[in-house]
Amino acid sequence: MDRASRLDALLRTHDGRPPQSDLRVVLLGGETRANALRRAAALHLHESLAAEARLAVAGRRRTQSAATARADAWLARLAATLAHHRRAAVALRDQRKAYSQ
C-alpha cells in the first residue's frame, strides 16, 4: 500500500484530525521508519548540542586562569551540559548498533 492510500485510509477512519502520532507514522512510511527517523533526529540533536557545549567550554576556559576556572559556576554548568549531551548521544549510538545487529 502506498503512502497516499495509507493516508486516505487514515483520514477515512477519523471524523476530525487524526492523532498526530498516527499521522506521523503514515507520512513517514511506517512505524519502523518513523522510529528510526526519530532516533536519528535525536542523535543529531544531542551531537550538535554537545559540539556547541564543547566550544562554549573551550571559549570560557580560555578566558580564565586555572584558579578562577575551578570556582566558575557558569563553566561548571557548561561542563555538566556537555556531559549530559555526550552521554545521550552515546546511548543513542549504542541503541542504533543494537537495532542494526
Protein backbone atom coordinates (compact mmCIF):
# COMPACT_ATOMS: atom_id res chain seq x y z
CA MET A 1 0.00 0.00 0.00
CA ASP A 2 1.48 3.33 -0.99
CA ARG A 3 1.60 6.42 1.19
CA ALA A 4 -1.38 8.13 -0.46
CA SER A 5 -3.67 5.16 0.10
CA ARG A 6 -2.47 4.76 3.72
CA LEU A 7 -3.16 8.46 4.32
CA ASP A 8 -6.56 8.16 2.68
CA ALA A 9 -7.41 5.16 4.87
CA LEU A 10 -6.31 7.03 7.98
CA LEU A 11 -8.39 10.10 7.13
CA ARG A 12 -11.47 7.92 6.44
CA THR A 13 -11.27 6.36 9.91
CA HIS A 14 -11.39 9.70 11.77
CA ASP A 15 -14.10 12.37 11.76
CA GLY A 16 -11.73 15.18 12.72
CA ARG A 17 -7.98 15.39 12.60
CA PRO A 18 -6.26 12.04 13.09
CA PRO A 19 -3.92 11.69 16.08
CA GLN A 20 -0.55 13.29 15.48
CA SER A 21 1.36 10.06 16.15
CA ASP A 22 -0.71 8.09 13.62
CA LEU A 23 -0.33 10.82 11.01
CA ARG A 24 3.44 10.90 11.55
CA VAL A 25 3.68 7.12 11.08
CA VAL A 26 1.65 7.22 7.86
CA LEU A 27 3.53 10.17 6.37
CA LEU A 28 6.96 8.72 7.19
CA GLY A 29 6.23 5.32 5.69
CA GLY A 30 5.50 3.05 8.62
CA GLU A 31 6.25 2.75 12.31
CA THR A 32 9.71 1.24 11.87
CA ARG A 33 10.86 4.04 9.59
CA ALA A 34 9.24 6.72 11.77
CA ASN A 35 11.04 5.40 14.86
CA ALA A 36 14.34 5.17 13.00
CA LEU A 37 13.99 8.78 11.83
CA ARG A 38 13.05 9.90 15.35
CA ARG A 39 16.14 8.21 16.81
CA ALA A 40 18.37 9.68 14.09
CA ALA A 41 16.98 13.17 14.74
CA ALA A 42 17.55 12.80 18.49
CA LEU A 43 21.10 11.60 17.88
CA HIS A 44 21.81 14.55 15.58
CA LEU A 45 20.34 16.97 18.14
CA HIS A 46 22.47 15.63 21.01
CA GLU A 47 25.62 15.56 18.87
CA SER A 48 25.03 19.18 17.80
CA LEU A 49 24.33 20.36 21.33
CA ALA A 50 27.41 18.53 22.64
CA ALA A 51 29.55 20.22 19.98
CA GLU A 52 28.15 23.65 20.90
CA ALA A 53 28.74 22.99 24.60
CA ARG A 54 32.30 21.83 23.90
CA LEU A 55 33.05 25.05 22.03
CA ALA A 56 31.45 27.13 24.78
CA VAL A 57 33.50 25.36 27.46
CA ALA A 58 36.68 25.90 25.47
CA GLY A 59 35.90 29.58 24.94
CA ARG A 60 35.00 30.16 28.58
CA ARG A 61 38.05 28.23 29.83
CA ARG A 62 40.36 30.19 27.53
CA THR A 63 39.37 33.46 29.22
CA GLN A 64 40.17 32.30 32.75
CA SER A 65 43.11 31.22 34.82
CA ALA A 66 43.20 27.78 36.41
CA ALA A 67 42.31 29.19 39.83
CA THR A 68 39.24 31.11 38.64
CA ALA A 69 38.06 28.32 36.36
CA ARG A 70 37.70 25.96 39.30
CA ALA A 71 35.23 28.31 41.03
CA ASP A 72 33.32 29.42 37.91
CA ALA A 73 29.69 28.28 38.20
CA TRP A 74 28.95 29.02 34.53
CA LEU A 75 31.84 26.84 33.40
CA ALA A 76 30.66 24.04 35.69
CA ARG A 77 27.17 24.30 34.19
CA LEU A 78 28.55 24.17 30.65
CA ALA A 79 30.62 21.10 31.57
CA ALA A 80 27.51 19.40 33.00
CA THR A 81 25.58 20.21 29.82
CA LEU A 82 28.40 18.80 27.71
CA ALA A 83 28.47 15.60 29.77
CA HIS A 84 24.69 15.20 29.50
CA HIS A 85 24.60 15.54 25.71
CA ARG A 86 27.62 13.29 25.24
CA ARG A 87 26.01 10.58 27.38
CA ALA A 88 22.74 10.88 25.47
CA ALA A 89 24.50 10.69 22.09
CA VAL A 90 26.50 7.63 23.15
CA ALA A 91 23.34 5.91 24.43
CA LEU A 92 21.54 6.60 21.14
CA ARG A 93 24.53 5.34 19.15
CA ASP A 94 24.55 2.14 21.24
CA GLN A 95 20.82 1.71 20.57
CA ARG A 96 21.42 2.14 16.86
CA LYS A 97 24.12 -0.53 16.93
CA ALA A 98 21.81 -2.88 18.83
CA TYR A 99 18.99 -2.37 16.29
CA SER A 100 21.32 -2.95 13.33
CA GLN A 101 22.57 -6.32 14.60
